[in-house]
Amino acid sequence: MFNCEQCGSCCKAVKCNLLIKENICSIYNKRPDICRVDIQYNKVKMTMSLVSWYKLNKKCCLILQSKNIFLRK
């Protein structure tokens, strides 16, 4: 399972209105499939391994975190 840090950076990047104070998703346990890295892997599993998918998502996450100052809601 992908280890989401729940930092809110990806939510801020898409201006999700379900993100509340302190970067908490108000529906995290019932969030849509598009927000779930593991479920989205099903769309690319024929082209890359799960480990590669996790690494790619972690890389994107770190980029968003580093640019978080620009991603304010």
PDB file of N, CA and C in Angstrom:
ATOM      1  N   MET A   1       0.840  -1.173   0.000  1.00  0.00           N
ATOM      2  CA  MET A   1       0.000   0.000   0.000  1.00  0.00           C
ATOM      3  C   MET A   1       0.897   1.252   0.000  1.00  0.00           C
ATOM      4  N   PHE A   2       0.515   2.246  -0.802  1.00  0.00           N
ATOM      5  CA  PHE A   2       1.256   3.500  -0.882  1.00  0.00           C
ATOM      6  C   PHE A   2       1.123   4.256   0.442  1.00  0.00           C
ATOM      7  N   ASN A   3       2.249   4.736   0.937  1.00  0.00           N
ATOM      8  CA  ASN A   3       2.270   5.454   2.210  1.00  0.00           C
ATOM      9  C   ASN A   3       2.065   6.949   1.978  1.00  0.00           C
ATOM     10  N   CYS A   4       0.823   7.385   2.024  1.00  0.00           N
ATOM     11  CA  CYS A   4       0.492   8.795   1.860  1.00  0.00           C
ATOM     12  C   CYS A   4       0.819   9.530   3.151  1.00  0.00           C
ATOM     13  N   GLU A   5       1.555  10.618   3.038  1.00  0.00           N
ATOM     14  CA  GLU A   5       1.909  11.408   4.219  1.00  0.00           C
ATOM     15  C   GLU A   5       0.785  12.347   4.638  1.00  0.00           C
ATOM     16  N   GLN A   6      -0.250  12.431   3.835  1.00  0.00           N
ATOM     17  CA  GLN A   6      -1.397  13.294   4.098  1.00  0.00           C
ATOM     18  C   GLN A   6      -0.954  14.736   4.376  1.00  0.00           C
ATOM     19  N   CYS A   7      -0.020  15.213   3.538  1.00  0.00           N
ATOM     20  CA  CYS A   7       0.505  16.576   3.695  1.00  0.00           C
ATOM     21  C   CYS A   7      -0.414  17.612   3.056  1.00  0.00           C
ATOM     22  N   GLY A   8      -1.278  17.171   2.163  1.00  0.00           N
ATOM     23  CA  GLY A   8      -2.218  18.079   1.509  1.00  0.00           C
ATOM     24  C   GLY A   8      -1.678  18.749   0.260  1.00  0.00           C
ATOM     25  N   SER A   9      -0.433  18.493  -0.112  1.00  0.00           N
ATOM     26  CA  SER A   9       0.167  19.164  -1.273  1.00  0.00           C
ATOM     27  C   SER A   9      -0.534  18.826  -2.580  1.00  0.00           C
ATOM     28  N   CYS A  10      -0.882  17.570  -2.786  1.00  0.00           N
ATOM     29  CA  CYS A  10      -1.563  17.215  -4.037  1.00  0.00           C
ATOM     30  C   CYS A  10      -2.972  17.798  -4.055  1.00  0.00           C
ATOM     31  N   CYS A  11      -3.608  17.828  -2.907  1.00  0.00           N
ATOM     32  CA  CYS A  11      -4.956  18.408  -2.811  1.00  0.00           C
ATOM     33  C   CYS A  11      -4.925  19.897  -3.111  1.00  0.00           C
ATOM     34  N   LYS A  12      -3.907  20.570  -2.613  1.00  0.00           N
ATOM     35  CA  LYS A  12      -3.769  22.003  -2.881  1.00  0.00           C
ATOM     36  C   LYS A  12      -3.481  22.247  -4.359  1.00  0.00           C
ATOM     37  N   ALA A  13      -2.710  21.349  -4.973  1.00  0.00           N
ATOM     38  CA  ALA A  13      -2.344  21.510  -6.377  1.00  0.00           C
ATOM     39  C   ALA A  13      -3.565  21.491  -7.286  1.00  0.00           C
ATOM     40  N   VAL A  14      -4.565  20.708  -6.911  1.00  0.00           N
ATOM     41  CA  VAL A  14      -5.788  20.642  -7.716  1.00  0.00           C
ATOM     42  C   VAL A  14      -6.921  21.458  -7.098  1.00  0.00           C
ATOM     43  N   LYS A  15      -6.579  22.216  -6.066  1.00  0.00           N
ATOM     44  CA  LYS A  15      -7.547  23.088  -5.377  1.00  0.00           C
ATOM     45  C   LYS A  15      -8.795  22.325  -4.924  1.00  0.00           C
ATOM     46  N   CYS A  16      -8.559  21.193  -4.291  1.00  0.00           N
ATOM     47  CA  CYS A  16      -9.659  20.372  -3.792  1.00  0.00           C
ATOM     48  C   CYS A  16     -10.378  21.106  -2.663  1.00  0.00           C
ATOM     49  N   ASN A  17     -11.676  21.192  -2.766  1.00  0.00           N
ATOM     50  CA  ASN A  17     -12.457  21.899  -1.741  1.00  0.00           C
ATOM     51  C   ASN A  17     -12.791  21.021  -0.541  1.00  0.00           C
ATOM     52  N   LEU A  18     -12.314  19.789  -0.541  1.00  0.00           N
ATOM     53  CA  LEU A  18     -12.542  18.902   0.596  1.00  0.00           C
ATOM     54  C   LEU A  18     -11.395  18.948   1.602  1.00  0.00           C
ATOM     55  N   LEU A  19     -10.358  19.698   1.273  1.00  0.00           N
ATOM     56  CA  LEU A  19      -9.230  19.870   2.179  1.00  0.00           C
ATOM     57  C   LEU A  19      -9.614  20.932   3.201  1.00  0.00           C
ATOM     58  N   ILE A  20      -9.486  20.569   4.476  1.00  0.00           N
ATOM     59  CA  ILE A  20      -9.835  21.521   5.526  1.00  0.00           C
ATOM     60  C   ILE A  20      -8.588  21.942   6.288  1.00  0.00           C
ATOM     61  N   LYS A  21      -8.755  22.686   7.330  1.00  0.00           N
ATOM     62  CA  LYS A  21      -7.639  23.207   8.113  1.00  0.00           C
ATOM     63  C   LYS A  21      -6.586  22.152   8.388  1.00  0.00           C
ATOM     64  N   GLU A  22      -5.351  22.608   8.459  1.00  0.00           N
ATOM     65  CA  GLU A  22      -4.206  21.756   8.794  1.00  0.00           C
ATOM     66  C   GLU A  22      -4.020  20.606   7.814  1.00  0.00           C
ATOM     67  N   ASN A  23      -4.377  20.824   6.555  1.00  0.00           N
ATOM     68  CA  ASN A  23      -4.156  19.857   5.473  1.00  0.00           C
ATOM     69  C   ASN A  23      -4.834  18.509   5.697  1.00  0.00           C
ATOM     70  N   ILE A  24      -6.004  18.527   6.271  1.00  0.00           N
ATOM     71  CA  ILE A  24      -6.732  17.292   6.533  1.00  0.00           C
ATOM     72  C   ILE A  24      -7.844  17.137   5.499  1.00  0.00           C
ATOM     73  N   CYS A  25      -7.880  15.981   4.859  1.00  0.00           N
ATOM     74  CA  CYS A  25      -8.948  15.684   3.911  1.00  0.00           C
ATOM     75  C   CYS A  25     -10.200  15.335   4.708  1.00  0.00           C
ATOM     76  N   SER A  26     -11.267  16.013   4.416  1.00  0.00           N
ATOM     77  CA  SER A  26     -12.497  15.789   5.174  1.00  0.00           C
ATOM     78  C   SER A  26     -13.178  14.455   4.845  1.00  0.00           C
ATOM     79  N   ILE A  27     -12.750  13.791   3.774  1.00  0.00           N
ATOM     80  CA  ILE A  27     -13.344  12.497   3.401  1.00  0.00           C
ATOM     81  C   ILE A  27     -12.262  11.446   3.125  1.00  0.00           C
ATOM     82  N   TYR A  28     -11.122  11.533   3.787  1.00  0.00           N
ATOM     83  CA  TYR A  28      -9.971  10.684   3.457  1.00  0.00           C
ATOM     84  C   TYR A  28     -10.327   9.202   3.336  1.00  0.00           C
ATOM     85  N   ASN A  29     -11.026   8.643   4.287  1.00  0.00           N
ATOM     86  CA  ASN A  29     -11.363   7.214   4.238  1.00  0.00           C
ATOM     87  C   ASN A  29     -12.374   6.855   3.155  1.00  0.00           C
ATOM     88  N   LYS A  30     -13.093   7.854   2.639  1.00  0.00           N
ATOM     89  CA  LYS A  30     -14.092   7.618   1.585  1.00  0.00           C
ATOM     90  C   LYS A  30     -13.763   8.425   0.329  1.00  0.00           C
ATOM     91  N   ARG A  31     -12.493   8.808   0.174  1.00  0.00           N
ATOM     92  CA  ARG A  31     -12.082   9.639  -0.965  1.00  0.00           C
ATOM     93  C   ARG A  31     -12.290   8.890  -2.280  1.00  0.00           C
ATOM     94  N   PRO A  32     -12.447   9.627  -3.377  1.00  0.00           N
ATOM     95  CA  PRO A  32     -12.675   8.980  -4.673  1.00  0.00           C
ATOM     96  C   PRO A  32     -11.436   8.217  -5.162  1.00  0.00           C
ATOM     97  N   ASP A  33     -11.660   7.327  -6.100  1.00  0.00           N
ATOM     98  CA  ASP A  33     -10.577   6.498  -6.637  1.00  0.00           C
ATOM     99  C   ASP A  33      -9.422   7.318  -7.196  1.00  0.00           C
ATOM    100  N   ILE A  34      -9.697   8.471  -7.787  1.00  0.00           N
ATOM    101  CA  ILE A  34      -8.637   9.295  -8.377  1.00  0.00           C
ATOM    102  C   ILE A  34      -7.612   9.727  -7.328  1.00  0.00           C
ATOM    103  N   CYS A  35      -8.008   9.733  -6.085  1.00  0.00           N
ATOM    104  CA  CYS A  35      -7.124  10.139  -4.987  1.00  0.00           C
ATOM    105  C   CYS A  35      -6.369   8.962  -4.371  1.00  0.00           C
ATOM    106  N   ARG A  36      -6.564   7.788  -4.903  1.00  0.00           N
ATOM    107  CA  ARG A  36      -5.973   6.579  -4.326  1.00  0.00           C
ATOM    108  C   ARG A  36      -4.898   6.018  -5.260  1.00  0.00           C
ATOM    109  N   VAL A  37      -3.668   6.155  -4.834  1.00  0.00           N
ATOM    110  CA  VAL A  37      -2.519   5.717  -5.642  1.00  0.00           C
ATOM    111  C   VAL A  37      -2.625   4.237  -5.980  1.00  0.00           C
ATOM    112  N   ASP A  38      -2.997   3.423  -5.013  1.00  0.00           N
ATOM    113  CA  ASP A  38      -3.067   1.975  -5.251  1.00  0.00           C
ATOM    114  C   ASP A  38      -4.126   1.612  -6.297  1.00  0.00           C
ATOM    115  N   ILE A  39      -5.258   2.245  -6.255  1.00  0.00           N
ATOM    116  CA  ILE A  39      -6.311   1.970  -7.237  1.00  0.00           C
ATOM    117  C   ILE A  39      -5.908   2.491  -8.614  1.00  0.00           C
ATOM    118  N   GLN A  40      -5.267   3.633  -8.671  1.00  0.00           N
ATOM    119  CA  GLN A  40      -4.840   4.193  -9.956  1.00  0.00           C
ATOM    120  C   GLN A  40      -3.778   3.334 -10.629  1.00  0.00           C
ATOM    121  N   TYR A  41      -3.065   2.546  -9.854  1.00  0.00           N
ATOM    122  CA  TYR A  41      -2.068   1.637 -10.433  1.00  0.00           C
ATOM    123  C   TYR A  41      -2.702   0.676 -11.435  1.00  0.00           C
ATOM    124  N   ASN A  42      -3.932   0.301 -11.226  1.00  0.00           N
ATOM    125  CA  ASN A  42      -4.624  -0.616 -12.145  1.00  0.00           C
ATOM    126  C   ASN A  42      -4.647  -0.088 -13.574  1.00  0.00           C
ATOM    127  N   LYS A  43      -4.568   1.232 -13.724  1.00  0.00           N
ATOM    128  CA  LYS A  43      -4.589   1.825 -15.066  1.00  0.00           C
ATOM    129  C   LYS A  43      -3.240   1.774 -15.773  1.00  0.00           C
ATOM    130  N   VAL A  44      -2.172   1.553 -15.016  1.00  0.00           N
ATOM    131  CA  VAL A  44      -0.829   1.566 -15.623  1.00  0.00           C
ATOM    132  C   VAL A  44      -0.056   0.272 -15.385  1.00  0.00           C
ATOM    133  N   LYS A  45      -0.664  -0.694 -14.740  1.00  0.00           N
ATOM    134  CA  LYS A  45       0.076  -1.896 -14.346  1.00  0.00           C
ATOM    135  C   LYS A  45       0.657  -2.691 -15.510  1.00  0.00           C
ATOM    136  N   MET A  46       0.144  -2.477 -16.694  1.00  0.00           N
ATOM    137  CA  MET A  46       0.709  -3.171 -17.853  1.00  0.00           C
ATOM    138  C   MET A  46       1.982  -2.492 -18.350  1.00  0.00           C
ATOM    139  N   THR A  47       2.247  -1.294 -17.859  1.00  0.00           N
ATOM    140  CA  THR A  47       3.404  -0.545 -18.353  1.00  0.00           C
ATOM    141  C   THR A  47       4.510  -0.361 -17.325  1.00  0.00           C
ATOM    142  N   MET A  48       4.241  -0.631 -16.046  1.00  0.00           N
ATOM    143  CA  MET A  48       5.282  -0.481 -15.030  1.00  0.00           C
ATOM    144  C   MET A  48       4.953  -1.325 -13.802  1.00  0.00           C
ATOM    145  N   SER A  49       5.981  -1.584 -13.033  1.00  0.00           N
ATOM    146  CA  SER A  49       5.803  -2.368 -11.810  1.00  0.00           C
ATOM    147  C   SER A  49       5.195  -1.500 -10.714  1.00  0.00           C
ATOM    148  N   LEU A  50       4.669  -2.146  -9.707  1.00  0.00           N
ATOM    149  CA  LEU A  50       4.096  -1.428  -8.578  1.00  0.00           C
ATOM    150  C   LEU A  50       5.166  -0.600  -7.860  1.00  0.00           C
ATOM    151  N   VAL A  51       6.356  -1.149  -7.729  1.00  0.00           N
ATOM    152  CA  VAL A  51       7.461  -0.419  -7.094  1.00  0.00           C
ATOM    153  C   VAL A  51       7.787   0.843  -7.889  1.00  0.00           C
ATOM    154  N   SER A  52       7.842   0.742  -9.213  1.00  0.00           N
ATOM    155  CA  SER A  52       8.102   1.916 -10.054  1.00  0.00           C
ATOM    156  C   SER A  52       6.986   2.943  -9.918  1.00  0.00           C
ATOM    157  N   TRP A  53       5.751   2.481  -9.842  1.00  0.00           N
ATOM    158  CA  TRP A  53       4.593   3.365  -9.675  1.00  0.00           C
ATOM    159  C   TRP A  53       4.679   4.129  -8.359  1.00  0.00           C
ATOM    160  N   TYR A  54       5.020   3.403  -7.300  1.00  0.00           N
ATOM    161  CA  TYR A  54       5.178   4.060  -5.996  1.00  0.00           C
ATOM    162  C   TYR A  54       6.301   5.093  -6.035  1.00  0.00           C
ATOM    163  N   LYS A  55       7.420   4.730  -6.658  1.00  0.00           N
ATOM    164  CA  LYS A  55       8.550   5.665  -6.754  1.00  0.00           C
ATOM    165  C   LYS A  55       8.165   6.913  -7.540  1.00  0.00           C
ATOM    166  N   LEU A  56       7.433   6.743  -8.618  1.00  0.00           N
ATOM    167  CA  LEU A  56       6.996   7.878  -9.430  1.00  0.00           C
ATOM    168  C   LEU A  56       6.050   8.786  -8.630  1.00  0.00           C
ATOM    169  N   ASN A  57       5.126   8.189  -7.924  1.00  0.00           N
ATOM    170  CA  ASN A  57       4.201   8.976  -7.113  1.00  0.00           C
ATOM    171  C   ASN A  57       4.922   9.678  -5.971  1.00  0.00           C
ATOM    172  N   LYS A  58       5.886   9.016  -5.357  1.00  0.00           N
ATOM    173  CA  LYS A  58       6.656   9.644  -4.281  1.00  0.00           C
ATOM    174  C   LYS A  58       7.461  10.818  -4.831  1.00  0.00           C
ATOM    175  N   LYS A  59       8.036  10.652  -6.021  1.00  0.00           N
ATOM    176  CA  LYS A  59       8.793  11.731  -6.647  1.00  0.00           C
ATOM    177  C   LYS A  59       7.879  12.942  -6.894  1.00  0.00           C
ATOM    178  N   CYS A  60       6.706  12.690  -7.425  1.00  0.00           N
ATOM    179  CA  CYS A  60       5.741  13.776  -7.658  1.00  0.00           C
ATOM    180  C   CYS A  60       5.340  14.428  -6.346  1.00  0.00           C
ATOM    181  N   CYS A  61       5.133  13.626  -5.330  1.00  0.00           N
ATOM    182  CA  CYS A  61       4.763  14.125  -4.010  1.00  0.00           C
ATOM    183  C   CYS A  61       5.845  15.066  -3.475  1.00  0.00           C
ATOM    184  N   LEU A  62       7.096  14.665  -3.585  1.00  0.00           N
ATOM    185  CA  LEU A  62       8.200  15.493  -3.089  1.00  0.00           C
ATOM    186  C   LEU A  62       8.308  16.804  -3.858  1.00  0.00           C
ATOM    187  N   ILE A  63       8.049  16.754  -5.155  1.00  0.00           N
ATOM    188  CA  ILE A  63       8.063  17.990  -5.961  1.00  0.00           C
ATOM    189  C   ILE A  63       6.956  18.924  -5.493  1.00  0.00           C
ATOM    190  N   LEU A  64       5.761  18.391  -5.298  1.00  0.00           N
ATOM    191  CA  LEU A  64       4.655  19.219  -4.828  1.00  0.00           C
ATOM    192  C   LEU A  64       4.932  19.776  -3.432  1.00  0.00           C
ATOM    193  N   GLN A  65       5.515  18.963  -2.571  1.00  0.00           N
ATOM    194  CA  GLN A  65       5.839  19.435  -1.226  1.00  0.00           C
ATOM    195  C   GLN A  65       6.864  20.573  -1.279  1.00  0.00           C
ATOM    196  N   SER A  66       7.845  20.459  -2.166  1.00  0.00           N
ATOM    197  CA  SER A  66       8.877  21.489  -2.256  1.00  0.00           C
ATOM    198  C   SER A  66       8.324  22.799  -2.819  1.00  0.00           C
ATOM    199  N   LYS A  67       7.244  22.709  -3.565  1.00  0.00           N
ATOM    200  CA  LYS A  67       6.627  23.893  -4.158  1.00  0.00           C
ATOM    201  C   LYS A  67       5.370  24.322  -3.396  1.00  0.00           C
ATOM    202  N   ASN A  68       5.184  23.756  -2.237  1.00  0.00           N
ATOM    203  CA  ASN A  68       3.974  23.981  -1.452  1.00  0.00           C
ATOM    204  C   ASN A  68       3.678  25.457  -1.213  1.00  0.00           C
ATOM    205  N   ILE A  69       4.672  26.269  -1.137  1.00  0.00           N
ATOM    206  CA  ILE A  69       4.466  27.712  -0.904  1.00  0.00           C
ATOM    207  C   ILE A  69       3.624  28.327  -2.026  1.00  0.00           C
ATOM    208  N   PHE A  70       3.702  27.741  -3.223  1.00  0.00           N
ATOM    209  CA  PHE A  70       2.958  28.271  -4.366  1.00  0.00           C
ATOM    210  C   PHE A  70       1.582  27.616  -4.513  1.00  0.00           C
ATOM    211  N   LEU A  71       1.292  26.645  -3.696  1.00  0.00           N
ATOM    212  CA  LEU A  71       0.079  25.851  -3.861  1.00  0.00           C
ATOM    213  C   LEU A  71      -0.996  26.201  -2.842  1.00  0.00           C
ATOM    214  N   ARG A  72      -0.980  27.382  -2.349  1.00  0.00           N
ATOM    215  CA  ARG A  72      -1.971  27.777  -1.347  1.00  0.00           C
ATOM    216  C   ARG A  72      -3.357  27.779  -1.962  1.00  0.00           C
ATOM    217  N   LYS A  73      -4.324  27.425  -1.176  1.00  0.00           N
ATOM    218  CA  LYS A  73      -5.717  27.373  -1.597  1.00  0.00           C
ATOM    219  C   LYS A  73      -6.258  28.749  -1.857  1.00  0.00           C
TER     220      LYS A  73
END
